[in-house]
Amino acid sequence: MQDLNLTLFDYDLELLRVIANRWDVDLNTRDPHEAAVRLAAAMRVPERVEDIWNRLDDDQRRALQTLLGSGGKMATPMFARMFGEIRAMGPGKLEREKPYLEPLNLAEALYYRGLIANKL
């Protein structure tokens, strides 16, 4: 399993903002590296983790437990067959379409909360 900081360093600022919003974190920076560090720190706070867990519905929890049960890693094609594909979107499309407001599937619901990474 890749380190949280390294995963977040791969994300653009818009995606970091989306995830931060889900975690009730105010990033207040335009530097993606600094935003990733701040978000990773907030995502390690046990009370925040519990709050996010409590916001998940049963299907989302089940999908996350399936992933955790496989050691925190699963091939993208297998995960996509089970829980759906994450649509590829750059910062502009992400901002315009706001897929995080109505995710198409469980994978997107977890991805836009920062609970899974989309590593192809």
PDB file of N, CA and C in Angstrom:
ATOM      1  N   MET A   1       0.848  -1.174   0.000  1.00  0.00           N
ATOM      2  CA  MET A   1       0.000   0.000   0.000  1.00  0.00           C
ATOM      3  C   MET A   1       0.900   1.245   0.000  1.00  0.00           C
ATOM      4  N   GLN A   2       0.629   2.143  -0.917  1.00  0.00           N
ATOM      5  CA  GLN A   2       1.433   3.360  -1.029  1.00  0.00           C
ATOM      6  C   GLN A   2       1.107   4.322   0.116  1.00  0.00           C
ATOM      7  N   ASP A   3       2.101   5.038   0.552  1.00  0.00           N
ATOM      8  CA  ASP A   3       1.955   6.039   1.591  1.00  0.00           C
ATOM      9  C   ASP A   3       0.919   7.086   1.177  1.00  0.00           C
ATOM     10  N   LEU A   4       0.131   7.544   2.119  1.00  0.00           N
ATOM     11  CA  LEU A   4      -0.908   8.530   1.848  1.00  0.00           C
ATOM     12  C   LEU A   4      -0.340   9.803   1.237  1.00  0.00           C
ATOM     13  N   ASN A   5       0.756  10.297   1.788  1.00  0.00           N
ATOM     14  CA  ASN A   5       1.364  11.514   1.235  1.00  0.00           C
ATOM     15  C   ASN A   5       1.733  11.326  -0.232  1.00  0.00           C
ATOM     16  N   LEU A   6       2.379  10.213  -0.559  1.00  0.00           N
ATOM     17  CA  LEU A   6       2.787   9.969  -1.947  1.00  0.00           C
ATOM     18  C   LEU A   6       1.582   9.891  -2.871  1.00  0.00           C
ATOM     19  N   THR A   7       0.520   9.279  -2.408  1.00  0.00           N
ATOM     20  CA  THR A   7      -0.699   9.209  -3.212  1.00  0.00           C
ATOM     21  C   THR A   7      -1.244  10.605  -3.462  1.00  0.00           C
ATOM     22  N   LEU A   8      -1.360  11.400  -2.407  1.00  0.00           N
ATOM     23  CA  LEU A   8      -1.931  12.742  -2.552  1.00  0.00           C
ATOM     24  C   LEU A   8      -1.019  13.662  -3.360  1.00  0.00           C
ATOM     25  N   PHE A   9       0.291  13.436  -3.317  1.00  0.00           N
ATOM     26  CA  PHE A   9       1.215  14.243  -4.130  1.00  0.00           C
ATOM     27  C   PHE A   9       0.932  14.067  -5.620  1.00  0.00           C
ATOM     28  N   ASP A  10       0.370  12.935  -6.003  1.00  0.00           N
ATOM     29  CA  ASP A  10       0.050  12.672  -7.412  1.00  0.00           C
ATOM     30  C   ASP A  10      -1.209  13.398  -7.886  1.00  0.00           C
ATOM     31  N   TYR A  11      -1.983  13.943  -6.966  1.00  0.00           N
ATOM     32  CA  TYR A  11      -3.264  14.563  -7.306  1.00  0.00           C
ATOM     33  C   TYR A  11      -3.104  16.045  -7.598  1.00  0.00           C
ATOM     34  N   ASP A  12      -3.933  16.547  -8.519  1.00  0.00           N
ATOM     35  CA  ASP A  12      -3.926  17.983  -8.799  1.00  0.00           C
ATOM     36  C   ASP A  12      -4.686  18.713  -7.686  1.00  0.00           C
ATOM     37  N   LEU A  13      -4.513  20.013  -7.649  1.00  0.00           N
ATOM     38  CA  LEU A  13      -5.085  20.824  -6.577  1.00  0.00           C
ATOM     39  C   LEU A  13      -6.611  20.724  -6.523  1.00  0.00           C
ATOM     40  N   GLU A  14      -7.261  20.654  -7.668  1.00  0.00           N
ATOM     41  CA  GLU A  14      -8.730  20.571  -7.673  1.00  0.00           C
ATOM     42  C   GLU A  14      -9.212  19.290  -7.000  1.00  0.00           C
ATOM     43  N   LEU A  15      -8.586  18.163  -7.300  1.00  0.00           N
ATOM     44  CA  LEU A  15      -8.978  16.909  -6.660  1.00  0.00           C
ATOM     45  C   LEU A  15      -8.679  16.955  -5.165  1.00  0.00           C
ATOM     46  N   LEU A  16      -7.562  17.536  -4.790  1.00  0.00           N
ATOM     47  CA  LEU A  16      -7.245  17.683  -3.360  1.00  0.00           C
ATOM     48  C   LEU A  16      -8.321  18.512  -2.660  1.00  0.00           C
ATOM     49  N   ARG A  17      -8.788  19.549  -3.324  1.00  0.00           N
ATOM     50  CA  ARG A  17      -9.851  20.384  -2.737  1.00  0.00           C
ATOM     51  C   ARG A  17     -11.156  19.605  -2.578  1.00  0.00           C
ATOM     52  N   VAL A  18     -11.482  18.792  -3.564  1.00  0.00           N
ATOM     53  CA  VAL A  18     -12.695  17.976  -3.479  1.00  0.00           C
ATOM     54  C   VAL A  18     -12.607  17.037  -2.278  1.00  0.00           C
ATOM     55  N   ILE A  19     -11.496  16.352  -2.151  1.00  0.00           N
ATOM     56  CA  ILE A  19     -11.319  15.415  -1.036  1.00  0.00           C
ATOM     57  C   ILE A  19     -11.324  16.176   0.286  1.00  0.00           C
ATOM     58  N   ALA A  20     -10.632  17.290   0.339  1.00  0.00           N
ATOM     59  CA  ALA A  20     -10.586  18.097   1.568  1.00  0.00           C
ATOM     60  C   ALA A  20     -11.985  18.535   1.984  1.00  0.00           C
ATOM     61  N   ASN A  21     -12.793  18.894   1.007  1.00  0.00           N
ATOM     62  CA  ASN A  21     -14.167  19.296   1.308  1.00  0.00           C
ATOM     63  C   ASN A  21     -14.938  18.159   1.963  1.00  0.00           C
ATOM     64  N   ARG A  22     -14.730  16.940   1.481  1.00  0.00           N
ATOM     65  CA  ARG A  22     -15.412  15.768   2.050  1.00  0.00           C
ATOM     66  C   ARG A  22     -14.960  15.506   3.492  1.00  0.00           C
ATOM     67  N   TRP A  23     -13.719  15.905   3.796  1.00  0.00           N
ATOM     68  CA  TRP A  23     -13.158  15.688   5.134  1.00  0.00           C
ATOM     69  C   TRP A  23     -13.308  16.926   6.017  1.00  0.00           C
ATOM     70  N   ASP A  24     -14.014  17.929   5.525  1.00  0.00           N
ATOM     71  CA  ASP A  24     -14.206  19.198   6.255  1.00  0.00           C
ATOM     72  C   ASP A  24     -12.869  19.853   6.607  1.00  0.00           C
ATOM     73  N   VAL A  25     -11.977  19.860   5.622  1.00  0.00           N
ATOM     74  CA  VAL A  25     -10.647  20.456   5.795  1.00  0.00           C
ATOM     75  C   VAL A  25     -10.554  21.679   4.890  1.00  0.00           C
ATOM     76  N   ASP A  26     -10.149  22.810   5.459  1.00  0.00           N
ATOM     77  CA  ASP A  26      -9.923  24.028   4.685  1.00  0.00           C
ATOM     78  C   ASP A  26      -8.449  24.074   4.317  1.00  0.00           C
ATOM     79  N   LEU A  27      -8.139  23.866   3.036  1.00  0.00           N
ATOM     80  CA  LEU A  27      -6.735  23.818   2.624  1.00  0.00           C
ATOM     81  C   LEU A  27      -6.098  25.200   2.587  1.00  0.00           C
ATOM     82  N   ASN A  28      -6.820  26.197   2.114  1.00  0.00           N
ATOM     83  CA  ASN A  28      -6.350  27.585   2.146  1.00  0.00           C
ATOM     84  C   ASN A  28      -4.928  27.751   1.594  1.00  0.00           C
ATOM     85  N   THR A  29      -4.650  27.063   0.474  1.00  0.00           N
ATOM     86  CA  THR A  29      -3.347  27.189  -0.187  1.00  0.00           C
ATOM     87  C   THR A  29      -3.520  26.913  -1.673  1.00  0.00           C
ATOM     88  N   ARG A  30      -2.615  27.462  -2.463  1.00  0.00           N
ATOM     89  CA  ARG A  30      -2.618  27.183  -3.906  1.00  0.00           C
ATOM     90  C   ARG A  30      -1.459  26.271  -4.297  1.00  0.00           C
ATOM     91  N   ASP A  31      -0.701  25.868  -3.316  1.00  0.00           N
ATOM     92  CA  ASP A  31       0.434  24.987  -3.546  1.00  0.00           C
ATOM     93  C   ASP A  31      -0.024  23.533  -3.387  1.00  0.00           C
ATOM     94  N   PRO A  32      -0.043  22.750  -4.478  1.00  0.00           N
ATOM     95  CA  PRO A  32      -0.525  21.368  -4.390  1.00  0.00           C
ATOM     96  C   PRO A  32       0.253  20.510  -3.394  1.00  0.00           C
ATOM     97  N   HIS A  33       1.557  20.713  -3.309  1.00  0.00           N
ATOM     98  CA  HIS A  33       2.370  19.931  -2.369  1.00  0.00           C
ATOM     99  C   HIS A  33       1.951  20.238  -0.921  1.00  0.00           C
ATOM    100  N   GLU A  34       1.837  21.510  -0.603  1.00  0.00           N
ATOM    101  CA  GLU A  34       1.418  21.900   0.742  1.00  0.00           C
ATOM    102  C   GLU A  34       0.005  21.411   1.033  1.00  0.00           C
ATOM    103  N   ALA A  35      -0.880  21.503   0.037  1.00  0.00           N
ATOM    104  CA  ALA A  35      -2.254  21.030   0.207  1.00  0.00           C
ATOM    105  C   ALA A  35      -2.269  19.531   0.507  1.00  0.00           C
ATOM    106  N   ALA A  36      -1.440  18.769  -0.218  1.00  0.00           N
ATOM    107  CA  ALA A  36      -1.381  17.326   0.004  1.00  0.00           C
ATOM    108  C   ALA A  36      -0.887  17.001   1.412  1.00  0.00           C
ATOM    109  N   VAL A  37       0.117  17.715   1.873  1.00  0.00           N
ATOM    110  CA  VAL A  37       0.651  17.490   3.222  1.00  0.00           C
ATOM    111  C   VAL A  37      -0.418  17.800   4.275  1.00  0.00           C
ATOM    112  N   ARG A  38      -1.093  18.920   4.124  1.00  0.00           N
ATOM    113  CA  ARG A  38      -2.142  19.306   5.093  1.00  0.00           C
ATOM    114  C   ARG A  38      -3.291  18.303   5.091  1.00  0.00           C
ATOM    115  N   LEU A  39      -3.707  17.909   3.887  1.00  0.00           N
ATOM    116  CA  LEU A  39      -4.814  16.965   3.791  1.00  0.00           C
ATOM    117  C   LEU A  39      -4.431  15.617   4.380  1.00  0.00           C
ATOM    118  N   ALA A  40      -3.247  15.138   4.093  1.00  0.00           N
ATOM    119  CA  ALA A  40      -2.792  13.854   4.643  1.00  0.00           C
ATOM    120  C   ALA A  40      -2.777  13.897   6.165  1.00  0.00           C
ATOM    121  N   ALA A  41      -2.321  14.990   6.725  1.00  0.00           N
ATOM    122  CA  ALA A  41      -2.300  15.126   8.197  1.00  0.00           C
ATOM    123  C   ALA A  41      -3.719  15.064   8.756  1.00  0.00           C
ATOM    124  N   ALA A  42      -4.644  15.747   8.107  1.00  0.00           N
ATOM    125  CA  ALA A  42      -6.037  15.751   8.581  1.00  0.00           C
ATOM    126  C   ALA A  42      -6.661  14.364   8.446  1.00  0.00           C
ATOM    127  N   MET A  43      -6.286  13.647   7.393  1.00  0.00           N
ATOM    128  CA  MET A  43      -6.862  12.323   7.158  1.00  0.00           C
ATOM    129  C   MET A  43      -6.325  11.270   8.124  1.00  0.00           C
ATOM    130  N   ARG A  44      -5.323  11.627   8.903  1.00  0.00           N
ATOM    131  CA  ARG A  44      -4.766  10.704   9.895  1.00  0.00           C
ATOM    132  C   ARG A  44      -5.348  10.930  11.293  1.00  0.00           C
ATOM    133  N   VAL A  45      -6.200  11.910  11.447  1.00  0.00           N
ATOM    134  CA  VAL A  45      -6.800  12.198  12.751  1.00  0.00           C
ATOM    135  C   VAL A  45      -7.924  11.179  12.992  1.00  0.00           C
ATOM    136  N   PRO A  46      -7.800  10.366  14.036  1.00  0.00           N
ATOM    137  CA  PRO A  46      -8.781   9.295  14.260  1.00  0.00           C
ATOM    138  C   PRO A  46     -10.240   9.769  14.285  1.00  0.00           C
ATOM    139  N   GLU A  47     -10.504  10.920  14.867  1.00  0.00           N
ATOM    140  CA  GLU A  47     -11.888  11.412  14.926  1.00  0.00           C
ATOM    141  C   GLU A  47     -12.424  11.720  13.530  1.00  0.00           C
ATOM    142  N   ARG A  48     -11.574  12.230  12.669  1.00  0.00           N
ATOM    143  CA  ARG A  48     -12.001  12.514  11.286  1.00  0.00           C
ATOM    144  C   ARG A  48     -12.260  11.209  10.531  1.00  0.00           C
ATOM    145  N   VAL A  49     -11.397  10.233  10.740  1.00  0.00           N
ATOM    146  CA  VAL A  49     -11.572   8.931  10.091  1.00  0.00           C
ATOM    147  C   VAL A  49     -12.899   8.318  10.529  1.00  0.00           C
ATOM    148  N   GLU A  50     -13.181   8.370  11.810  1.00  0.00           N
ATOM    149  CA  GLU A  50     -14.443   7.833  12.318  1.00  0.00           C
ATOM    150  C   GLU A  50     -15.643   8.570  11.719  1.00  0.00           C
ATOM    151  N   ASP A  51     -15.534   9.885  11.613  1.00  0.00           N
ATOM    152  CA  ASP A  51     -16.611  10.675  11.032  1.00  0.00           C
ATOM    153  C   ASP A  51     -16.855  10.282   9.574  1.00  0.00           C
ATOM    154  N   ILE A  52     -15.789  10.128   8.796  1.00  0.00           N
ATOM    155  CA  ILE A  52     -15.917   9.720   7.392  1.00  0.00           C
ATOM    156  C   ILE A  52     -16.540   8.328   7.313  1.00  0.00           C
ATOM    157  N   TRP A  53     -16.078   7.406   8.144  1.00  0.00           N
ATOM    158  CA  TRP A  53     -16.626   6.044   8.161  1.00  0.00           C
ATOM    159  C   TRP A  53     -18.126   6.091   8.436  1.00  0.00           C
ATOM    160  N   ASN A  54     -18.531   6.916   9.370  1.00  0.00           N
ATOM    161  CA  ASN A  54     -19.947   7.013   9.720  1.00  0.00           C
ATOM    162  C   ASN A  54     -20.795   7.636   8.616  1.00  0.00           C
ATOM    163  N   ARG A  55     -20.178   8.393   7.723  1.00  0.00           N
ATOM    164  CA  ARG A  55     -20.901   9.001   6.600  1.00  0.00           C
ATOM    165  C   ARG A  55     -21.105   8.033   5.433  1.00  0.00           C
ATOM    166  N   LEU A  56     -20.350   6.938   5.420  1.00  0.00           N
ATOM    167  CA  LEU A  56     -20.475   5.967   4.341  1.00  0.00           C
ATOM    168  C   LEU A  56     -21.760   5.168   4.489  1.00  0.00           C
ATOM    169  N   ASP A  57     -22.350   4.798   3.357  1.00  0.00           N
ATOM    170  CA  ASP A  57     -23.497   3.897   3.443  1.00  0.00           C
ATOM    171  C   ASP A  57     -22.972   2.461   3.519  1.00  0.00           C
ATOM    172  N   ASP A  58     -23.869   1.511   3.732  1.00  0.00           N
ATOM    173  CA  ASP A  58     -23.453   0.117   3.925  1.00  0.00           C
ATOM    174  C   ASP A  58     -22.690  -0.441   2.726  1.00  0.00           C
ATOM    175  N   ASP A  59     -23.137  -0.125   1.517  1.00  0.00           N
ATOM    176  CA  ASP A  59     -22.452  -0.626   0.327  1.00  0.00           C
ATOM    177  C   ASP A  59     -21.044  -0.047   0.205  1.00  0.00           C
ATOM    178  N   GLN A  60     -20.888   1.221   0.536  1.00  0.00           N
ATOM    179  CA  GLN A  60     -19.564   1.845   0.491  1.00  0.00           C
ATOM    180  C   GLN A  60     -18.643   1.220   1.529  1.00  0.00           C
ATOM    181  N   ARG A  61     -19.159   0.965   2.708  1.00  0.00           N
ATOM    182  CA  ARG A  61     -18.347   0.306   3.745  1.00  0.00           C
ATOM    183  C   ARG A  61     -17.943  -1.094   3.302  1.00  0.00           C
ATOM    184  N   ARG A  62     -18.885  -1.815   2.700  1.00  0.00           N
ATOM    185  CA  ARG A  62     -18.602  -3.173   2.228  1.00  0.00           C
ATOM    186  C   ARG A  62     -17.498  -3.155   1.162  1.00  0.00           C
ATOM    187  N   ALA A  63     -17.569  -2.212   0.239  1.00  0.00           N
ATOM    188  CA  ALA A  63     -16.539  -2.112  -0.803  1.00  0.00           C
ATOM    189  C   ALA A  63     -15.173  -1.822  -0.179  1.00  0.00           C
ATOM    190  N   LEU A  64     -15.146  -0.914   0.771  1.00  0.00           N
ATOM    191  CA  LEU A  64     -13.885  -0.579   1.432  1.00  0.00           C
ATOM    192  C   LEU A  64     -13.365  -1.769   2.243  1.00  0.00           C
ATOM    193  N   GLN A  65     -14.253  -2.481   2.919  1.00  0.00           N
ATOM    194  CA  GLN A  65     -13.834  -3.658   3.681  1.00  0.00           C
ATOM    195  C   GLN A  65     -13.298  -4.756   2.759  1.00  0.00           C
ATOM    196  N   THR A  66     -13.889  -4.887   1.577  1.00  0.00           N
ATOM    197  CA  THR A  66     -13.388  -5.856   0.600  1.00  0.00           C
ATOM    198  C   THR A  66     -11.960  -5.515   0.211  1.00  0.00           C
ATOM    199  N   LEU A  67     -11.721  -4.247  -0.050  1.00  0.00           N
ATOM    200  CA  LEU A  67     -10.377  -3.804  -0.410  1.00  0.00           C
ATOM    201  C   LEU A  67      -9.405  -4.018   0.756  1.00  0.00           C
ATOM    202  N   LEU A  68      -9.814  -3.641   1.942  1.00  0.00           N
ATOM    203  CA  LEU A  68      -8.951  -3.823   3.114  1.00  0.00           C
ATOM    204  C   LEU A  68      -8.669  -5.303   3.362  1.00  0.00           C
ATOM    205  N   GLY A  69      -9.670  -6.145   3.110  1.00  0.00           N
ATOM    206  CA  GLY A  69      -9.515  -7.590   3.289  1.00  0.00           C
ATOM    207  C   GLY A  69      -8.516  -8.206   2.321  1.00  0.00           C
ATOM    208  N   SER A  70      -8.256  -7.517   1.227  1.00  0.00           N
ATOM    209  CA  SER A  70      -7.261  -8.019   0.263  1.00  0.00           C
ATOM    210  C   SER A  70      -5.905  -7.353   0.492  1.00  0.00           C
ATOM    211  N   GLY A  71      -5.680  -6.860   1.696  1.00  0.00           N
ATOM    212  CA  GLY A  71      -4.396  -6.261   2.036  1.00  0.00           C
ATOM    213  C   GLY A  71      -4.261  -4.811   1.603  1.00  0.00           C
ATOM    214  N   GLY A  72      -5.363  -4.178   1.256  1.00  0.00           N
ATOM    215  CA  GLY A  72      -5.335  -2.769   0.866  1.00  0.00           C
ATOM    216  C   GLY A  72      -4.979  -2.550  -0.591  1.00  0.00           C
ATOM    217  N   LYS A  73      -4.843  -3.636  -1.346  1.00  0.00           N
ATOM    218  CA  LYS A  73      -4.497  -3.540  -2.763  1.00  0.00           C
ATOM    219  C   LYS A  73      -5.385  -4.474  -3.559  1.00  0.00           C
ATOM    220  N   MET A  74      -5.764  -4.017  -4.729  1.00  0.00           N
ATOM    221  CA  MET A  74      -6.511  -4.869  -5.639  1.00  0.00           C
ATOM    222  C   MET A  74      -6.252  -4.342  -7.043  1.00  0.00           C
ATOM    223  N   ALA A  75      -6.113  -5.242  -7.980  1.00  0.00           N
ATOM    224  CA  ALA A  75      -5.917  -4.820  -9.362  1.00  0.00           C
ATOM    225  C   ALA A  75      -7.103  -3.957  -9.790  1.00  0.00           C
ATOM    226  N   THR A  76      -6.792  -2.861 -10.484  1.00  0.00           N
ATOM    227  CA  THR A  76      -7.835  -1.928 -10.910  1.00  0.00           C
ATOM    228  C   THR A  76      -8.944  -2.620 -11.695  1.00  0.00           C
ATOM    229  N   PRO A  77      -8.637  -3.501 -12.653  1.00  0.00           N
ATOM    230  CA  PRO A  77      -9.729  -4.147 -13.396  1.00  0.00           C
ATOM    231  C   PRO A  77     -10.666  -4.968 -12.503  1.00  0.00           C
ATOM    232  N   MET A  78     -10.110  -5.659 -11.525  1.00  0.00           N
ATOM    233  CA  MET A  78     -10.939  -6.455 -10.623  1.00  0.00           C
ATOM    234  C   MET A  78     -11.820  -5.546  -9.762  1.00  0.00           C
ATOM    235  N   PHE A  79     -11.218  -4.505  -9.205  1.00  0.00           N
ATOM    236  CA  PHE A  79     -11.989  -3.582  -8.376  1.00  0.00           C
ATOM    237  C   PHE A  79     -13.082  -2.922  -9.211  1.00  0.00           C
ATOM    238  N   ALA A  80     -12.761  -2.556 -10.443  1.00  0.00           N
ATOM    239  CA  ALA A  80     -13.736  -1.908 -11.336  1.00  0.00           C
ATOM    240  C   ALA A  80     -14.896  -2.848 -11.657  1.00  0.00           C
ATOM    241  N   ARG A  81     -14.618  -4.124 -11.866  1.00  0.00           N
ATOM    242  CA  ARG A  81     -15.703  -5.082 -12.130  1.00  0.00           C
ATOM    243  C   ARG A  81     -16.637  -5.192 -10.934  1.00  0.00           C
ATOM    244  N   MET A  82     -16.074  -5.132  -9.758  1.00  0.00           N
ATOM    245  CA  MET A  82     -16.876  -5.296  -8.541  1.00  0.00           C
ATOM    246  C   MET A  82     -17.614  -4.014  -8.137  1.00  0.00           C
ATOM    247  N   PHE A  83     -16.947  -2.856  -8.303  1.00  0.00           N
ATOM    248  CA  PHE A  83     -17.475  -1.631  -7.710  1.00  0.00           C
ATOM    249  C   PHE A  83     -17.599  -0.448  -8.675  1.00  0.00           C
ATOM    250  N   GLY A  84     -17.230  -0.653  -9.927  1.00  0.00           N
ATOM    251  CA  GLY A  84     -17.371   0.397 -10.928  1.00  0.00           C
ATOM    252  C   GLY A  84     -16.051   1.055 -11.261  1.00  0.00           C
ATOM    253  N   GLU A  85     -16.050   1.735 -12.401  1.00  0.00           N
ATOM    254  CA  GLU A  85     -14.854   2.443 -12.857  1.00  0.00           C
ATOM    255  C   GLU A  85     -14.903   3.902 -12.422  1.00  0.00           C
ATOM    256  N   ILE A  86     -13.735   4.457 -12.223  1.00  0.00           N
ATOM    257  CA  ILE A  86     -13.608   5.884 -11.891  1.00  0.00           C
ATOM    258  C   ILE A  86     -13.350   6.618 -13.200  1.00  0.00           C
ATOM    259  N   ARG A  87     -14.248   7.517 -13.549  1.00  0.00           N
ATOM    260  CA  ARG A  87     -14.089   8.274 -14.789  1.00  0.00           C
ATOM    261  C   ARG A  87     -12.862   9.172 -14.692  1.00  0.00           C
ATOM    262  N   ALA A  88     -12.072   9.185 -15.765  1.00  0.00           N
ATOM    263  CA  ALA A  88     -10.885  10.041 -15.822  1.00  0.00           C
ATOM    264  C   ALA A  88     -11.320  11.481 -16.059  1.00  0.00           C
ATOM    265  N   MET A  89     -10.853  12.387 -15.201  1.00  0.00           N
ATOM    266  CA  MET A  89     -11.196  13.804 -15.335  1.00  0.00           C
ATOM    267  C   MET A  89     -10.025  14.651 -14.898  1.00  0.00           C
ATOM    268  N   GLY A  90      -9.699  15.624 -15.716  1.00  0.00           N
ATOM    269  CA  GLY A  90      -8.701  16.611 -15.336  1.00  0.00           C
ATOM    270  C   GLY A  90      -9.351  17.653 -14.439  1.00  0.00           C
ATOM    271  N   PRO A  91      -8.573  18.614 -13.972  1.00  0.00           N
ATOM    272  CA  PRO A  91      -9.097  19.623 -13.041  1.00  0.00           C
ATOM    273  C   PRO A  91     -10.280  20.412 -13.600  1.00  0.00           C
ATOM    274  N   GLY A  92     -10.207  20.801 -14.870  1.00  0.00           N
ATOM    275  CA  GLY A  92     -11.285  21.596 -15.458  1.00  0.00           C
ATOM    276  C   GLY A  92     -12.590  20.819 -15.539  1.00  0.00           C
ATOM    277  N   LYS A  93     -12.514  19.602 -16.031  1.00  0.00           N
ATOM    278  CA  LYS A  93     -13.717  18.766 -16.143  1.00  0.00           C
ATOM    279  C   LYS A  93     -14.267  18.426 -14.764  1.00  0.00           C
ATOM    280  N   LEU A  94     -13.381  18.181 -13.829  1.00  0.00           N
ATOM    281  CA  LEU A  94     -13.797  17.893 -12.455  1.00  0.00           C
ATOM    282  C   LEU A  94     -14.577  19.073 -11.872  1.00  0.00           C
ATOM    283  N   GLU A  95     -14.079  20.272 -12.124  1.00  0.00           N
ATOM    284  CA  GLU A  95     -14.737  21.469 -11.612  1.00  0.00           C
ATOM    285  C   GLU A  95     -16.080  21.710 -12.313  1.00  0.00           C
ATOM    286  N   ARG A  96     -16.141  21.463 -13.615  1.00  0.00           N
ATOM    287  CA  ARG A  96     -17.374  21.682 -14.375  1.00  0.00           C
ATOM    288  C   ARG A  96     -18.448  20.649 -14.061  1.00  0.00           C
ATOM    289  N   GLU A  97     -18.062  19.373 -14.083  1.00  0.00           N
ATOM    290  CA  GLU A  97     -19.051  18.294 -13.980  1.00  0.00           C
ATOM    291  C   GLU A  97     -19.374  17.876 -12.549  1.00  0.00           C
ATOM    292  N   LYS A  98     -18.478  18.137 -11.614  1.00  0.00           N
ATOM    293  CA  LYS A  98     -18.678  17.821 -10.203  1.00  0.00           C
ATOM    294  C   LYS A  98     -19.193  16.376  -9.966  1.00  0.00           C
ATOM    295  N   PRO A  99     -18.458  15.381 -10.468  1.00  0.00           N
ATOM    296  CA  PRO A  99     -18.916  13.994 -10.327  1.00  0.00           C
ATOM    297  C   PRO A  99     -18.986  13.521  -8.879  1.00  0.00           C
ATOM    298  N   TYR A 100     -18.297  14.182  -8.011  1.00  0.00           N
ATOM    299  CA  TYR A 100     -18.289  13.826  -6.587  1.00  0.00           C
ATOM    300  C   TYR A 100     -19.629  14.109  -5.925  1.00  0.00           C
ATOM    301  N   LEU A 101     -20.447  14.964  -6.530  1.00  0.00           N
ATOM    302  CA  LEU A 101     -21.763  15.252  -5.956  1.00  0.00           C
ATOM    303  C   LEU A 101     -22.759  14.120  -6.213  1.00  0.00           C
ATOM    304  N   GLU A 102     -22.583  13.432  -7.347  1.00  0.00           N
ATOM    305  CA  GLU A 102     -23.429  12.283  -7.687  1.00  0.00           C
ATOM    306  C   GLU A 102     -22.560  11.213  -8.341  1.00  0.00           C
ATOM    307  N   PRO A 103     -21.754  10.522  -7.535  1.00  0.00           N
ATOM    308  CA  PRO A 103     -20.876   9.491  -8.099  1.00  0.00           C
ATOM    309  C   PRO A 103     -21.703   8.406  -8.784  1.00  0.00           C
ATOM    310  N   LEU A 104     -21.164   7.871  -9.871  1.00  0.00           N
ATOM    311  CA  LEU A 104     -21.880   6.845 -10.639  1.00  0.00           C
ATOM    312  C   LEU A 104     -21.870   5.479  -9.965  1.00  0.00           C
ATOM    313  N   ASN A 105     -20.920   5.263  -9.055  1.00  0.00           N
ATOM    314  CA  ASN A 105     -20.768   3.931  -8.478  1.00  0.00           C
ATOM    315  C   ASN A 105     -20.007   4.027  -7.156  1.00  0.00           C
ATOM    316  N   LEU A 106     -19.800   2.878  -6.557  1.00  0.00           N
ATOM    317  CA  LEU A 106     -19.104   2.819  -5.268  1.00  0.00           C
ATOM    318  C   LEU A 106     -17.656   3.266  -5.377  1.00  0.00           C
ATOM    319  N   ALA A 107     -17.010   2.911  -6.469  1.00  0.00           N
ATOM    320  CA  ALA A 107     -15.597   3.292  -6.644  1.00  0.00           C
ATOM    321  C   ALA A 107     -15.461   4.815  -6.636  1.00  0.00           C
ATOM    322  N   GLU A 108     -16.300   5.511  -7.385  1.00  0.00           N
ATOM    323  CA  GLU A 108     -16.227   6.967  -7.400  1.00  0.00           C
ATOM    324  C   GLU A 108     -16.563   7.563  -6.042  1.00  0.00           C
ATOM    325  N   ALA A 109     -17.541   6.998  -5.351  1.00  0.00           N
ATOM    326  CA  ALA A 109     -17.907   7.507  -4.027  1.00  0.00           C
ATOM    327  C   ALA A 109     -16.719   7.443  -3.074  1.00  0.00           C
ATOM    328  N   LEU A 110     -15.968   6.353  -3.119  1.00  0.00           N
ATOM    329  CA  LEU A 110     -14.800   6.196  -2.251  1.00  0.00           C
ATOM    330  C   LEU A 110     -13.623   7.041  -2.728  1.00  0.00           C
ATOM    331  N   TYR A 111     -13.444   7.117  -4.036  1.00  0.00           N
ATOM    332  CA  TYR A 111     -12.333   7.878  -4.615  1.00  0.00           C
ATOM    333  C   TYR A 111     -12.431   9.360  -4.261  1.00  0.00           C
ATOM    334  N   TYR A 112     -13.601   9.925  -4.407  1.00  0.00           N
ATOM    335  CA  TYR A 112     -13.747  11.370  -4.139  1.00  0.00           C
ATOM    336  C   TYR A 112     -13.776  11.694  -2.646  1.00  0.00           C
ATOM    337  N   ARG A 113     -13.716  10.674  -1.817  1.00  0.00           N
ATOM    338  CA  ARG A 113     -13.505  10.865  -0.388  1.00  0.00           C
ATOM    339  C   ARG A 113     -12.036  10.625  -0.018  1.00  0.00           C
ATOM    340  N   GLY A 114     -11.251  10.236  -1.001  1.00  0.00           N
ATOM    341  CA  GLY A 114      -9.832   9.963  -0.749  1.00  0.00           C
ATOM    342  C   GLY A 114      -9.585   8.642  -0.068  1.00  0.00           C
ATOM    343  N   LEU A 115     -10.555   7.746  -0.116  1.00  0.00           N
ATOM    344  CA  LEU A 115     -10.417   6.455   0.575  1.00  0.00           C
ATOM    345  C   LEU A 115      -9.793   5.387  -0.290  1.00  0.00           C
ATOM    346  N   ILE A 116      -9.790   5.598  -1.599  1.00  0.00           N
ATOM    347  CA  ILE A 116      -9.084   4.698  -2.506  1.00  0.00           C
ATOM    348  C   ILE A 116      -8.325   5.549  -3.513  1.00  0.00           C
ATOM    349  N   ALA A 117      -7.294   4.969  -4.072  1.00  0.00           N
ATOM    350  CA  ALA A 117      -6.520   5.638  -5.125  1.00  0.00           C
ATOM    351  C   ALA A 117      -6.794   4.921  -6.432  1.00  0.00           C
ATOM    352  N   ASN A 118      -6.705   5.637  -7.505  1.00  0.00           N
ATOM    353  CA  ASN A 118      -6.921   5.078  -8.826  1.00  0.00           C
ATOM    354  C   ASN A 118      -5.574   4.974  -9.512  1.00  0.00           C
ATOM    355  N   LYS A 119      -4.902   3.868  -9.310  1.00  0.00           N
ATOM    356  CA  LYS A 119      -3.568   3.653  -9.887  1.00  0.00           C
ATOM    357  C   LYS A 119      -3.673   2.660 -11.028  1.00  0.00           C
ATOM    358  N   LEU A 120      -3.461   3.135 -12.234  1.00  0.00           N
ATOM    359  CA  LEU A 120      -3.532   2.255 -13.403  1.00  0.00           C
ATOM    360  C   LEU A 120      -2.166   1.726 -13.747  1.00  0.00           C
TER     361      LEU A 120
END
